[in-house]
Amino acid sequence: MLLALDTATRYASIALYDGQSVVAELNWRSDRRHTVELAPQVDNLLRLAGIAPADLTALGVSIGPGSYTGTRIALSYAKGVVLARDLPLVGVSTLDALAYPHLPAHRPLCAVVAAGRGRYCWAVYAAAEMQPERITDFGLDKLPELLPQIQPPMIFVGELNEEDMARLEAAWGKEAIVLSPARAVRRAGALAELAWKRLQAGDVDDPVALSPIYLG
């Protein structure tokens, strides 16, 4: 049983994955309460699923890009668990996990997460891929600086605020498809599935060396 953790932005998500299904998942807006909420919510998730901590066999964790503090919280928790119990750990990019449920797509997809001060962490993914294939480097920009670096048409998924959605519509019109909040929520179940695939291939990370992806 793999436990997946994501606290990379003000939205948090955790999930349990057994290789065949998402056994349980919790998503909530934590804002700046990740430190006090993560451990109790993991306990709650385990109770909901009827899973004992001893049943966990691996952990997957979001490593950013995202909030400097938020990303470190899940990673620190995951490292503590795997080092104490000698379990494998897989780090997954926040943006890869965000893009994954929407692939393959009929046009390229831009995944964005809020990074504070009006900026977004972002990356563009190939349209016709089952696995996330980034076709840009990770970026950190406000929307007016982001748009000249990419080409329409494009699907946008993630945490665009209302003001920037209006800017995007004014700039690109129907060439930009912005997924609704229910479709754009970042889910630890997707992170878990990506982590599980790497785990099955024997591609795991060194829990001591694994570090967050920071931009700027």
N, C-alpha and C. Protein backbone atom coordinates (compact mmCIF):
# COMPACT_ATOMS: atom_id res chain seq x y z
N MET A 1 0.85 -1.20 0.00
CA MET A 1 0.00 0.00 0.00
C MET A 1 0.89 1.25 0.00
N LEU A 2 0.67 2.11 -0.97
CA LEU A 2 1.47 3.33 -1.11
C LEU A 2 0.68 4.52 -0.58
N LEU A 3 1.32 5.31 0.24
CA LEU A 3 0.76 6.56 0.74
C LEU A 3 1.36 7.71 -0.06
N ALA A 4 0.50 8.54 -0.65
CA ALA A 4 0.95 9.70 -1.44
C ALA A 4 0.60 10.98 -0.70
N LEU A 5 1.53 11.94 -0.71
CA LEU A 5 1.38 13.19 0.04
C LEU A 5 1.70 14.38 -0.85
N ASP A 6 0.86 15.42 -0.79
CA ASP A 6 1.10 16.63 -1.57
C ASP A 6 0.65 17.84 -0.75
N THR A 7 1.61 18.67 -0.36
CA THR A 7 1.31 19.93 0.33
C THR A 7 2.01 21.08 -0.37
N ALA A 8 2.15 21.00 -1.69
CA ALA A 8 3.01 21.92 -2.41
C ALA A 8 2.44 23.34 -2.53
N THR A 9 1.14 23.50 -2.36
CA THR A 9 0.53 24.84 -2.37
C THR A 9 -0.46 24.89 -1.22
N ARG A 10 -1.32 25.92 -1.21
CA ARG A 10 -2.30 26.01 -0.13
C ARG A 10 -3.32 24.88 -0.19
N TYR A 11 -3.38 24.18 -1.31
CA TYR A 11 -4.23 22.99 -1.42
C TYR A 11 -3.40 21.76 -1.08
N ALA A 12 -3.97 20.89 -0.25
CA ALA A 12 -3.28 19.67 0.17
C ALA A 12 -4.08 18.45 -0.28
N SER A 13 -3.39 17.35 -0.50
CA SER A 13 -4.04 16.13 -0.93
C SER A 13 -3.21 14.94 -0.48
N ILE A 14 -3.89 13.90 -0.02
CA ILE A 14 -3.23 12.66 0.38
C ILE A 14 -4.07 11.49 -0.13
N ALA A 15 -3.43 10.36 -0.41
CA ALA A 15 -4.15 9.22 -0.96
C ALA A 15 -3.45 7.92 -0.61
N LEU A 16 -4.23 6.85 -0.64
CA LEU A 16 -3.72 5.49 -0.50
C LEU A 16 -3.98 4.75 -1.81
N TYR A 17 -2.97 4.04 -2.29
CA TYR A 17 -3.05 3.38 -3.58
C TYR A 17 -2.47 1.97 -3.46
N ASP A 18 -3.21 0.96 -3.97
CA ASP A 18 -2.76 -0.42 -3.81
C ASP A 18 -2.26 -1.05 -5.10
N GLY A 19 -2.08 -0.22 -6.14
CA GLY A 19 -1.62 -0.75 -7.42
C GLY A 19 -2.75 -1.04 -8.38
N GLN A 20 -3.98 -1.13 -7.87
CA GLN A 20 -5.14 -1.36 -8.72
C GLN A 20 -6.17 -0.25 -8.61
N SER A 21 -6.22 0.43 -7.47
CA SER A 21 -7.21 1.48 -7.28
C SER A 21 -6.74 2.47 -6.23
N VAL A 22 -7.36 3.65 -6.27
CA VAL A 22 -7.17 4.63 -5.20
C VAL A 22 -8.10 4.21 -4.07
N VAL A 23 -7.53 3.67 -3.02
CA VAL A 23 -8.32 3.12 -1.92
C VAL A 23 -9.02 4.21 -1.12
N ALA A 24 -8.34 5.34 -0.93
CA ALA A 24 -8.92 6.47 -0.22
C ALA A 24 -8.14 7.72 -0.59
N GLU A 25 -8.82 8.87 -0.54
CA GLU A 25 -8.18 10.12 -0.91
C GLU A 25 -8.86 11.27 -0.16
N LEU A 26 -8.06 12.22 0.29
CA LEU A 26 -8.57 13.44 0.94
C LEU A 26 -7.94 14.65 0.26
N ASN A 27 -8.78 15.61 -0.09
CA ASN A 27 -8.32 16.86 -0.70
C ASN A 27 -8.94 18.02 0.09
N TRP A 28 -8.13 19.01 0.42
CA TRP A 28 -8.67 20.14 1.16
C TRP A 28 -7.79 21.37 0.99
N ARG A 29 -8.40 22.54 1.25
CA ARG A 29 -7.62 23.78 1.21
C ARG A 29 -7.05 24.02 2.60
N SER A 30 -5.76 23.86 2.69
CA SER A 30 -5.08 23.94 3.97
C SER A 30 -4.56 25.34 4.26
N ASP A 31 -4.41 26.16 3.21
CA ASP A 31 -3.78 27.47 3.34
C ASP A 31 -2.40 27.31 3.98
N ARG A 32 -2.17 27.87 5.16
CA ARG A 32 -0.86 27.75 5.81
C ARG A 32 -0.89 26.83 7.03
N ARG A 33 -1.81 25.89 7.04
CA ARG A 33 -1.97 24.99 8.20
C ARG A 33 -1.42 23.59 7.94
N HIS A 34 -0.61 23.43 6.89
CA HIS A 34 -0.11 22.09 6.55
C HIS A 34 0.57 21.42 7.74
N THR A 35 1.38 22.16 8.47
CA THR A 35 2.19 21.56 9.53
C THR A 35 1.33 20.90 10.59
N VAL A 36 0.23 21.54 10.97
CA VAL A 36 -0.61 20.98 12.03
C VAL A 36 -1.66 20.02 11.47
N GLU A 37 -1.94 20.08 10.18
CA GLU A 37 -3.03 19.26 9.64
C GLU A 37 -2.57 17.96 8.99
N LEU A 38 -1.34 17.90 8.49
CA LEU A 38 -0.94 16.74 7.68
C LEU A 38 -1.00 15.44 8.46
N ALA A 39 -0.32 15.35 9.58
CA ALA A 39 -0.27 14.08 10.34
C ALA A 39 -1.66 13.63 10.78
N PRO A 40 -2.52 14.51 11.36
CA PRO A 40 -3.87 14.07 11.72
C PRO A 40 -4.69 13.61 10.53
N GLN A 41 -4.51 14.26 9.37
CA GLN A 41 -5.27 13.85 8.21
C GLN A 41 -4.78 12.50 7.66
N VAL A 42 -3.49 12.24 7.77
CA VAL A 42 -2.99 10.91 7.39
C VAL A 42 -3.61 9.85 8.29
N ASP A 43 -3.65 10.11 9.59
CA ASP A 43 -4.30 9.17 10.52
C ASP A 43 -5.76 8.96 10.15
N ASN A 44 -6.45 10.05 9.80
CA ASN A 44 -7.85 9.97 9.40
C ASN A 44 -8.02 9.14 8.14
N LEU A 45 -7.12 9.36 7.16
CA LEU A 45 -7.19 8.60 5.91
C LEU A 45 -7.02 7.11 6.17
N LEU A 46 -6.06 6.76 7.00
CA LEU A 46 -5.84 5.34 7.32
C LEU A 46 -7.05 4.73 7.99
N ARG A 47 -7.68 5.48 8.90
CA ARG A 47 -8.89 4.97 9.57
C ARG A 47 -10.02 4.78 8.58
N LEU A 48 -10.21 5.75 7.70
CA LEU A 48 -11.28 5.64 6.70
C LEU A 48 -11.11 4.39 5.84
N ALA A 49 -9.87 4.08 5.50
CA ALA A 49 -9.59 2.94 4.62
C ALA A 49 -9.45 1.62 5.38
N GLY A 50 -9.43 1.69 6.70
CA GLY A 50 -9.21 0.47 7.48
C GLY A 50 -7.81 -0.08 7.31
N ILE A 51 -6.85 0.82 7.13
CA ILE A 51 -5.46 0.42 6.91
C ILE A 51 -4.63 0.78 8.13
N ALA A 52 -3.80 -0.15 8.58
CA ALA A 52 -2.89 0.12 9.69
C ALA A 52 -1.60 0.73 9.15
N PRO A 53 -0.94 1.58 9.94
CA PRO A 53 0.34 2.13 9.48
C PRO A 53 1.34 1.07 9.06
N ALA A 54 1.28 -0.09 9.72
CA ALA A 54 2.20 -1.18 9.38
C ALA A 54 1.94 -1.76 8.00
N ASP A 55 0.77 -1.47 7.42
CA ASP A 55 0.44 -1.98 6.09
C ASP A 55 1.07 -1.16 4.97
N LEU A 56 1.59 0.01 5.30
CA LEU A 56 2.21 0.84 4.27
C LEU A 56 3.52 0.20 3.80
N THR A 57 3.70 0.17 2.48
CA THR A 57 4.91 -0.44 1.90
C THR A 57 5.77 0.55 1.13
N ALA A 58 5.24 1.75 0.87
CA ALA A 58 6.00 2.76 0.12
C ALA A 58 5.32 4.10 0.27
N LEU A 59 6.06 5.17 -0.01
CA LEU A 59 5.49 6.52 -0.01
C LEU A 59 5.85 7.22 -1.30
N GLY A 60 4.90 8.03 -1.79
CA GLY A 60 5.14 8.94 -2.89
C GLY A 60 4.89 10.35 -2.39
N VAL A 61 5.68 11.30 -2.85
CA VAL A 61 5.55 12.66 -2.32
C VAL A 61 5.78 13.68 -3.43
N SER A 62 4.99 14.74 -3.38
CA SER A 62 5.19 15.85 -4.30
C SER A 62 6.44 16.62 -3.89
N ILE A 63 7.31 16.90 -4.86
CA ILE A 63 8.56 17.60 -4.56
C ILE A 63 8.62 18.99 -5.21
N GLY A 64 7.46 19.49 -5.68
CA GLY A 64 7.43 20.80 -6.28
C GLY A 64 7.60 20.72 -7.79
N PRO A 65 7.67 21.88 -8.41
CA PRO A 65 7.73 23.21 -7.81
C PRO A 65 6.41 23.61 -7.16
N GLY A 66 6.52 24.55 -6.23
CA GLY A 66 5.36 25.03 -5.50
C GLY A 66 5.81 25.97 -4.41
N SER A 67 5.04 26.03 -3.34
CA SER A 67 5.40 26.86 -2.20
C SER A 67 6.67 26.34 -1.53
N TYR A 68 7.57 27.26 -1.19
CA TYR A 68 8.83 26.87 -0.54
C TYR A 68 8.56 26.09 0.75
N THR A 69 7.70 26.64 1.61
CA THR A 69 7.42 25.99 2.89
C THR A 69 6.52 24.78 2.70
N GLY A 70 5.46 24.93 1.91
CA GLY A 70 4.50 23.84 1.75
C GLY A 70 5.13 22.58 1.21
N THR A 71 5.97 22.72 0.20
CA THR A 71 6.60 21.54 -0.40
C THR A 71 7.45 20.80 0.62
N ARG A 72 8.14 21.53 1.47
CA ARG A 72 9.03 20.89 2.45
C ARG A 72 8.26 20.09 3.50
N ILE A 73 7.02 20.49 3.79
CA ILE A 73 6.27 19.83 4.86
C ILE A 73 5.98 18.37 4.51
N ALA A 74 5.41 18.13 3.34
CA ALA A 74 5.13 16.74 2.95
C ALA A 74 6.41 15.94 2.79
N LEU A 75 7.43 16.57 2.20
CA LEU A 75 8.69 15.86 1.99
C LEU A 75 9.34 15.49 3.31
N SER A 76 9.33 16.39 4.28
CA SER A 76 9.92 16.09 5.59
C SER A 76 9.16 14.96 6.28
N TYR A 77 7.83 15.00 6.20
CA TYR A 77 7.01 13.95 6.80
C TYR A 77 7.33 12.60 6.14
N ALA A 78 7.37 12.60 4.81
CA ALA A 78 7.63 11.35 4.09
C ALA A 78 9.00 10.79 4.43
N LYS A 79 9.99 11.66 4.48
CA LYS A 79 11.34 11.20 4.83
C LYS A 79 11.37 10.59 6.22
N GLY A 80 10.67 11.20 7.16
CA GLY A 80 10.65 10.66 8.51
C GLY A 80 10.07 9.26 8.56
N VAL A 81 8.98 9.04 7.80
CA VAL A 81 8.34 7.72 7.80
C VAL A 81 9.23 6.68 7.14
N VAL A 82 9.76 6.98 5.95
CA VAL A 82 10.52 5.95 5.23
C VAL A 82 11.84 5.64 5.91
N LEU A 83 12.47 6.62 6.52
CA LEU A 83 13.73 6.35 7.21
C LEU A 83 13.50 5.56 8.48
N ALA A 84 12.40 5.83 9.18
CA ALA A 84 12.10 5.09 10.40
C ALA A 84 11.73 3.64 10.12
N ARG A 85 11.08 3.40 8.97
CA ARG A 85 10.56 2.06 8.69
C ARG A 85 11.26 1.38 7.52
N ASP A 86 12.28 2.02 6.95
CA ASP A 86 13.04 1.45 5.84
C ASP A 86 12.13 1.11 4.66
N LEU A 87 11.34 2.11 4.23
CA LEU A 87 10.44 1.95 3.09
C LEU A 87 10.96 2.74 1.90
N PRO A 88 10.60 2.33 0.68
CA PRO A 88 11.01 3.10 -0.51
C PRO A 88 10.23 4.40 -0.63
N LEU A 89 10.87 5.40 -1.22
CA LEU A 89 10.28 6.72 -1.41
C LEU A 89 10.44 7.13 -2.87
N VAL A 90 9.36 7.69 -3.44
CA VAL A 90 9.38 8.18 -4.81
C VAL A 90 8.92 9.63 -4.81
N GLY A 91 9.76 10.53 -5.32
CA GLY A 91 9.40 11.92 -5.46
C GLY A 91 8.83 12.20 -6.85
N VAL A 92 7.73 12.94 -6.90
CA VAL A 92 7.04 13.23 -8.16
C VAL A 92 6.84 14.74 -8.27
N SER A 93 7.09 15.29 -9.43
CA SER A 93 6.86 16.71 -9.64
C SER A 93 5.40 17.07 -9.45
N THR A 94 5.15 18.17 -8.76
CA THR A 94 3.79 18.67 -8.56
C THR A 94 3.07 18.87 -9.89
N LEU A 95 3.77 19.45 -10.85
CA LEU A 95 3.14 19.74 -12.14
C LEU A 95 2.90 18.48 -12.96
N ASP A 96 3.79 17.49 -12.85
CA ASP A 96 3.55 16.20 -13.52
C ASP A 96 2.27 15.56 -13.01
N ALA A 97 2.09 15.58 -11.68
CA ALA A 97 0.89 14.97 -11.08
C ALA A 97 -0.37 15.73 -11.47
N LEU A 98 -0.25 17.05 -11.60
CA LEU A 98 -1.40 17.87 -12.00
C LEU A 98 -1.81 17.59 -13.44
N ALA A 99 -0.83 17.44 -14.31
CA ALA A 99 -1.11 17.22 -15.73
C ALA A 99 -1.61 15.81 -16.02
N TYR A 100 -1.12 14.83 -15.29
CA TYR A 100 -1.29 13.42 -15.62
C TYR A 100 -2.74 12.99 -15.88
N PRO A 101 -3.73 13.37 -15.04
CA PRO A 101 -5.10 12.87 -15.28
C PRO A 101 -5.72 13.38 -16.58
N HIS A 102 -5.14 14.40 -17.20
CA HIS A 102 -5.74 15.03 -18.37
C HIS A 102 -5.04 14.61 -19.67
N LEU A 103 -4.16 13.62 -19.60
CA LEU A 103 -3.43 13.15 -20.77
C LEU A 103 -3.91 11.76 -21.18
N PRO A 104 -3.92 11.47 -22.50
CA PRO A 104 -3.57 12.37 -23.60
C PRO A 104 -4.67 13.41 -23.82
N ALA A 105 -4.29 14.56 -24.35
CA ALA A 105 -5.22 15.65 -24.60
C ALA A 105 -5.25 15.97 -26.09
N HIS A 106 -6.23 16.76 -26.52
CA HIS A 106 -6.35 17.08 -27.95
C HIS A 106 -5.50 18.29 -28.34
N ARG A 107 -4.86 18.91 -27.35
CA ARG A 107 -3.94 20.01 -27.61
C ARG A 107 -2.95 20.05 -26.45
N PRO A 108 -1.83 20.75 -26.57
CA PRO A 108 -0.89 20.81 -25.44
C PRO A 108 -1.57 21.35 -24.18
N LEU A 109 -1.01 20.97 -23.06
CA LEU A 109 -1.59 21.31 -21.77
C LEU A 109 -0.59 22.05 -20.91
N CYS A 110 -1.00 23.19 -20.36
CA CYS A 110 -0.16 23.98 -19.46
C CYS A 110 -0.66 23.80 -18.04
N ALA A 111 0.15 23.20 -17.20
CA ALA A 111 -0.18 23.01 -15.78
C ALA A 111 0.41 24.16 -14.98
N VAL A 112 -0.40 24.73 -14.09
CA VAL A 112 0.05 25.88 -13.30
C VAL A 112 -0.33 25.69 -11.84
N VAL A 113 0.56 26.09 -10.95
CA VAL A 113 0.24 26.16 -9.52
C VAL A 113 0.67 27.52 -9.00
N ALA A 114 -0.12 28.06 -8.08
CA ALA A 114 0.16 29.38 -7.54
C ALA A 114 1.45 29.36 -6.73
N ALA A 115 2.27 30.39 -6.94
CA ALA A 115 3.56 30.48 -6.25
C ALA A 115 3.67 31.73 -5.40
N GLY A 116 2.58 32.48 -5.26
CA GLY A 116 2.60 33.69 -4.46
C GLY A 116 3.02 34.91 -5.25
N ARG A 117 2.60 36.09 -4.78
CA ARG A 117 2.92 37.38 -5.40
C ARG A 117 2.51 37.43 -6.87
N GLY A 118 1.39 36.75 -7.18
CA GLY A 118 0.86 36.77 -8.53
C GLY A 118 1.58 35.90 -9.53
N ARG A 119 2.52 35.09 -9.06
CA ARG A 119 3.32 34.25 -9.96
C ARG A 119 2.79 32.81 -9.98
N TYR A 120 3.13 32.11 -11.04
CA TYR A 120 2.77 30.71 -11.19
C TYR A 120 4.01 29.88 -11.52
N CYS A 121 4.08 28.70 -10.91
CA CYS A 121 4.98 27.66 -11.42
C CYS A 121 4.23 26.97 -12.55
N TRP A 122 4.91 26.71 -13.66
CA TRP A 122 4.20 26.17 -14.81
C TRP A 122 5.11 25.30 -15.67
N ALA A 123 4.47 24.47 -16.47
CA ALA A 123 5.16 23.70 -17.50
C ALA A 123 4.13 23.27 -18.53
N VAL A 124 4.58 23.07 -19.77
CA VAL A 124 3.70 22.62 -20.84
C VAL A 124 4.00 21.15 -21.14
N TYR A 125 2.93 20.39 -21.39
CA TYR A 125 3.02 18.95 -21.63
C TYR A 125 2.49 18.61 -23.02
N ALA A 126 3.11 17.60 -23.62
CA ALA A 126 2.70 17.17 -24.96
C ALA A 126 1.27 16.66 -24.94
N ALA A 127 0.56 16.88 -26.04
CA ALA A 127 -0.85 16.52 -26.11
C ALA A 127 -1.07 15.00 -26.16
N ALA A 128 -0.36 14.33 -27.04
CA ALA A 128 -0.66 12.93 -27.34
C ALA A 128 0.23 11.98 -26.55
N GLU A 129 0.24 12.12 -25.24
CA GLU A 129 1.06 11.25 -24.40
C GLU A 129 0.23 10.74 -23.22
N MET A 130 0.39 9.47 -22.91
CA MET A 130 -0.28 8.91 -21.74
C MET A 130 0.45 9.28 -20.45
N GLN A 131 1.76 9.39 -20.55
CA GLN A 131 2.59 9.80 -19.42
C GLN A 131 2.94 11.27 -19.58
N PRO A 132 3.12 12.00 -18.48
CA PRO A 132 3.50 13.41 -18.61
C PRO A 132 4.84 13.55 -19.32
N GLU A 133 4.82 14.23 -20.46
CA GLU A 133 6.05 14.55 -21.19
C GLU A 133 6.18 16.07 -21.27
N ARG A 134 7.04 16.63 -20.44
CA ARG A 134 7.22 18.08 -20.45
C ARG A 134 7.94 18.50 -21.73
N ILE A 135 7.39 19.51 -22.38
CA ILE A 135 8.02 20.02 -23.60
C ILE A 135 8.56 21.43 -23.37
N THR A 136 8.53 21.88 -22.11
CA THR A 136 9.21 23.11 -21.70
C THR A 136 9.92 22.82 -20.38
N ASP A 137 10.83 23.69 -20.02
CA ASP A 137 11.36 23.65 -18.66
C ASP A 137 10.29 24.15 -17.70
N PHE A 138 10.50 23.91 -16.40
CA PHE A 138 9.65 24.53 -15.40
C PHE A 138 9.86 26.04 -15.47
N GLY A 139 8.77 26.79 -15.33
CA GLY A 139 8.86 28.24 -15.33
C GLY A 139 8.25 28.83 -14.08
N LEU A 140 8.61 30.08 -13.79
CA LEU A 140 8.04 30.83 -12.66
C LEU A 140 7.80 32.25 -13.15
N ASP A 141 6.54 32.57 -13.42
CA ASP A 141 6.21 33.85 -14.03
C ASP A 141 4.81 34.30 -13.65
N LYS A 142 4.57 35.60 -13.76
CA LYS A 142 3.21 36.10 -13.78
C LYS A 142 2.62 35.82 -15.15
N LEU A 143 1.30 35.80 -15.24
CA LEU A 143 0.66 35.40 -16.49
C LEU A 143 1.10 36.25 -17.69
N PRO A 144 1.21 37.58 -17.58
CA PRO A 144 1.64 38.35 -18.75
C PRO A 144 3.04 37.97 -19.25
N GLU A 145 3.90 37.48 -18.36
CA GLU A 145 5.23 37.03 -18.79
C GLU A 145 5.21 35.57 -19.26
N LEU A 146 4.24 34.81 -18.77
CA LEU A 146 4.13 33.40 -19.16
C LEU A 146 3.65 33.26 -20.60
N LEU A 147 2.60 33.98 -20.96
CA LEU A 147 1.95 33.76 -22.25
C LEU A 147 2.87 33.93 -23.46
N PRO A 148 3.77 34.92 -23.51
CA PRO A 148 4.64 35.02 -24.69
C PRO A 148 5.60 33.85 -24.86
N GLN A 149 5.74 33.02 -23.83
CA GLN A 149 6.67 31.89 -23.91
C GLN A 149 6.03 30.63 -24.47
N ILE A 150 4.70 30.65 -24.65
CA ILE A 150 3.99 29.47 -25.14
C ILE A 150 3.10 29.88 -26.31
N GLN A 151 2.58 28.89 -27.04
CA GLN A 151 1.80 29.16 -28.23
C GLN A 151 0.41 28.56 -28.12
N PRO A 152 -0.62 29.30 -28.52
CA PRO A 152 -1.96 28.70 -28.58
C PRO A 152 -2.05 27.76 -29.78
N PRO A 153 -3.03 26.83 -29.76
CA PRO A 153 -4.04 26.62 -28.71
C PRO A 153 -3.46 25.84 -27.53
N MET A 154 -4.12 25.96 -26.37
CA MET A 154 -3.58 25.36 -25.15
C MET A 154 -4.72 25.09 -24.16
N ILE A 155 -4.58 23.98 -23.44
CA ILE A 155 -5.44 23.70 -22.30
C ILE A 155 -4.69 24.16 -21.05
N PHE A 156 -5.38 24.83 -20.15
CA PHE A 156 -4.79 25.26 -18.89
C PHE A 156 -5.47 24.52 -17.73
N VAL A 157 -4.66 23.97 -16.85
CA VAL A 157 -5.19 23.28 -15.68
C VAL A 157 -4.42 23.73 -14.45
N GLY A 158 -5.14 24.00 -13.36
CA GLY A 158 -4.46 24.38 -12.13
C GLY A 158 -5.12 25.52 -11.40
N GLU A 159 -4.30 26.41 -10.86
CA GLU A 159 -4.77 27.37 -9.87
C GLU A 159 -4.80 28.81 -10.40
N LEU A 160 -5.24 29.03 -11.62
CA LEU A 160 -5.38 30.38 -12.14
C LEU A 160 -6.46 31.14 -11.36
N ASN A 161 -6.15 32.37 -10.94
CA ASN A 161 -7.16 33.16 -10.24
C ASN A 161 -8.11 33.81 -11.25
N GLU A 162 -9.20 34.40 -10.75
CA GLU A 162 -10.23 34.94 -11.63
C GLU A 162 -9.68 36.06 -12.52
N GLU A 163 -8.86 36.92 -11.95
CA GLU A 163 -8.31 38.03 -12.73
C GLU A 163 -7.47 37.53 -13.89
N ASP A 164 -6.66 36.50 -13.63
CA ASP A 164 -5.82 35.98 -14.71
C ASP A 164 -6.62 35.16 -15.72
N MET A 165 -7.69 34.52 -15.29
CA MET A 165 -8.54 33.83 -16.25
C MET A 165 -9.17 34.83 -17.21
N ALA A 166 -9.56 36.01 -16.68
CA ALA A 166 -10.11 37.06 -17.55
C ALA A 166 -9.04 37.57 -18.51
N ARG A 167 -7.81 37.75 -18.02
CA ARG A 167 -6.71 38.18 -18.89
C ARG A 167 -6.45 37.16 -19.99
N LEU A 168 -6.48 35.89 -19.63
CA LEU A 168 -6.23 34.83 -20.59
C LEU A 168 -7.31 34.81 -21.67
N GLU A 169 -8.56 34.96 -21.26
CA GLU A 169 -9.64 34.98 -22.24
C GLU A 169 -9.52 36.17 -23.18
N ALA A 170 -9.14 37.32 -22.62
CA ALA A 170 -8.98 38.52 -23.45
C ALA A 170 -7.83 38.35 -24.45
N ALA A 171 -6.77 37.68 -24.02
CA ALA A 171 -5.58 37.53 -24.87
C ALA A 171 -5.74 36.43 -25.92
N TRP A 172 -6.34 35.31 -25.55
CA TRP A 172 -6.36 34.14 -26.43
C TRP A 172 -7.75 33.72 -26.88
N GLY A 173 -8.79 34.19 -26.20
CA GLY A 173 -10.14 33.78 -26.56
C GLY A 173 -10.34 32.28 -26.50
N LYS A 174 -10.94 31.73 -27.57
CA LYS A 174 -11.24 30.29 -27.60
C LYS A 174 -10.01 29.42 -27.81
N GLU A 175 -8.87 30.04 -28.06
CA GLU A 175 -7.63 29.28 -28.21
C GLU A 175 -7.13 28.75 -26.87
N ALA A 176 -7.71 29.25 -25.76
CA ALA A 176 -7.37 28.78 -24.42
C ALA A 176 -8.58 28.09 -23.80
N ILE A 177 -8.40 26.86 -23.38
CA ILE A 177 -9.43 26.13 -22.63
C ILE A 177 -8.95 26.03 -21.19
N VAL A 178 -9.71 26.61 -20.27
CA VAL A 178 -9.36 26.56 -18.85
C VAL A 178 -10.28 25.55 -18.17
N LEU A 179 -9.70 24.51 -17.60
CA LEU A 179 -10.51 23.47 -16.98
C LEU A 179 -11.16 24.00 -15.71
N SER A 180 -12.36 23.52 -15.43
CA SER A 180 -13.14 23.98 -14.29
C SER A 180 -12.46 23.57 -12.98
N PRO A 181 -12.82 24.22 -11.85
CA PRO A 181 -12.18 23.88 -10.57
C PRO A 181 -12.28 22.40 -10.20
N ALA A 182 -13.41 21.77 -10.47
CA ALA A 182 -13.55 20.35 -10.12
C ALA A 182 -12.61 19.48 -10.94
N ARG A 183 -12.33 19.88 -12.18
CA ARG A 183 -11.42 19.11 -13.03
C ARG A 183 -9.97 19.50 -12.81
N ALA A 184 -9.75 20.69 -12.27
CA ALA A 184 -8.39 21.20 -12.14
C ALA A 184 -7.76 20.92 -10.79
N VAL A 185 -8.52 20.37 -9.85
CA VAL A 185 -7.96 20.12 -8.53
C VAL A 185 -6.80 19.13 -8.61
N ARG A 186 -5.76 19.40 -7.86
CA ARG A 186 -4.57 18.53 -7.85
C ARG A 186 -4.83 17.38 -6.89
N ARG A 187 -4.74 16.14 -7.39
CA ARG A 187 -5.14 14.98 -6.61
C ARG A 187 -3.95 14.07 -6.31
N ALA A 188 -3.84 13.69 -5.05
CA ALA A 188 -2.77 12.77 -4.65
C ALA A 188 -2.96 11.39 -5.26
N GLY A 189 -4.18 11.06 -5.68
CA GLY A 189 -4.38 9.79 -6.36
C GLY A 189 -3.58 9.70 -7.65
N ALA A 190 -3.50 10.82 -8.38
CA ALA A 190 -2.70 10.85 -9.60
C ALA A 190 -1.22 10.75 -9.26
N LEU A 191 -0.80 11.47 -8.24
CA LEU A 191 0.59 11.39 -7.79
C LEU A 191 0.94 9.95 -7.40
N ALA A 192 0.01 9.29 -6.70
CA ALA A 192 0.24 7.92 -6.26
C ALA A 192 0.43 6.97 -7.44
N GLU A 193 -0.38 7.15 -8.48
CA GLU A 193 -0.27 6.26 -9.64
C GLU A 193 1.07 6.45 -10.34
N LEU A 194 1.51 7.69 -10.49
CA LEU A 194 2.82 7.94 -11.09
C LEU A 194 3.93 7.35 -10.23
N ALA A 195 3.83 7.53 -8.93
CA ALA A 195 4.84 6.97 -8.03
C ALA A 195 4.85 5.45 -8.09
N TRP A 196 3.67 4.84 -8.17
CA TRP A 196 3.58 3.39 -8.21
C TRP A 196 4.26 2.83 -9.46
N LYS A 197 4.06 3.49 -10.59
CA LYS A 197 4.67 3.03 -11.83
C LYS A 197 6.19 3.03 -11.71
N ARG A 198 6.73 4.07 -11.13
CA ARG A 198 8.18 4.11 -10.93
C ARG A 198 8.63 3.06 -9.92
N LEU A 199 7.84 2.87 -8.89
CA LEU A 199 8.18 1.87 -7.88
C LEU A 199 8.27 0.48 -8.50
N GLN A 200 7.31 0.15 -9.36
CA GLN A 200 7.30 -1.16 -9.99
C GLN A 200 8.49 -1.35 -10.93
N ALA A 201 9.01 -0.25 -11.44
CA ALA A 201 10.19 -0.31 -12.32
C ALA A 201 11.49 -0.28 -11.53
N GLY A 202 11.39 -0.21 -10.20
CA GLY A 202 12.58 -0.16 -9.36
C GLY A 202 13.23 1.20 -9.33
N ASP A 203 12.51 2.22 -9.77
CA ASP A 203 13.05 3.58 -9.84
C ASP A 203 12.62 4.36 -8.60
N VAL A 204 13.40 4.26 -7.55
CA VAL A 204 13.08 4.94 -6.30
C VAL A 204 14.16 5.96 -5.98
N ASP A 205 13.83 6.86 -5.06
CA ASP A 205 14.76 7.94 -4.71
C ASP A 205 15.47 7.66 -3.39
N ASP A 206 16.62 8.25 -3.26
CA ASP A 206 17.36 8.22 -1.99
C ASP A 206 16.67 9.21 -1.05
N PRO A 207 16.09 8.73 0.05
CA PRO A 207 15.35 9.64 0.93
C PRO A 207 16.22 10.70 1.58
N VAL A 208 17.49 10.44 1.71
CA VAL A 208 18.37 11.45 2.28
C VAL A 208 18.69 12.54 1.26
N ALA A 209 18.91 12.13 0.03
CA ALA A 209 19.33 13.09 -1.00
C ALA A 209 18.16 13.81 -1.67
N LEU A 210 16.96 13.23 -1.63
CA LEU A 210 15.83 13.82 -2.33
C LEU A 210 15.53 15.21 -1.80
N SER A 211 15.43 16.18 -2.70
CA SER A 211 15.21 17.55 -2.29
C SER A 211 14.12 18.18 -3.14
N PRO A 212 13.48 19.25 -2.65
CA PRO A 212 12.40 19.89 -3.40
C PRO A 212 12.91 20.59 -4.65
N ILE A 213 12.01 20.80 -5.60
CA ILE A 213 12.29 21.62 -6.78
C ILE A 213 11.87 23.04 -6.45
N TYR A 214 12.83 23.92 -6.36
CA TYR A 214 12.54 25.32 -6.09
C TYR A 214 12.86 26.16 -7.33
N LEU A 215 12.00 27.12 -7.61
CA LEU A 215 12.20 28.03 -8.73
C LEU A 215 12.31 29.45 -8.20
N GLY A 216 13.26 30.22 -8.72
CA GLY A 216 13.38 31.62 -8.34
C GLY A 216 13.97 31.83 -6.96
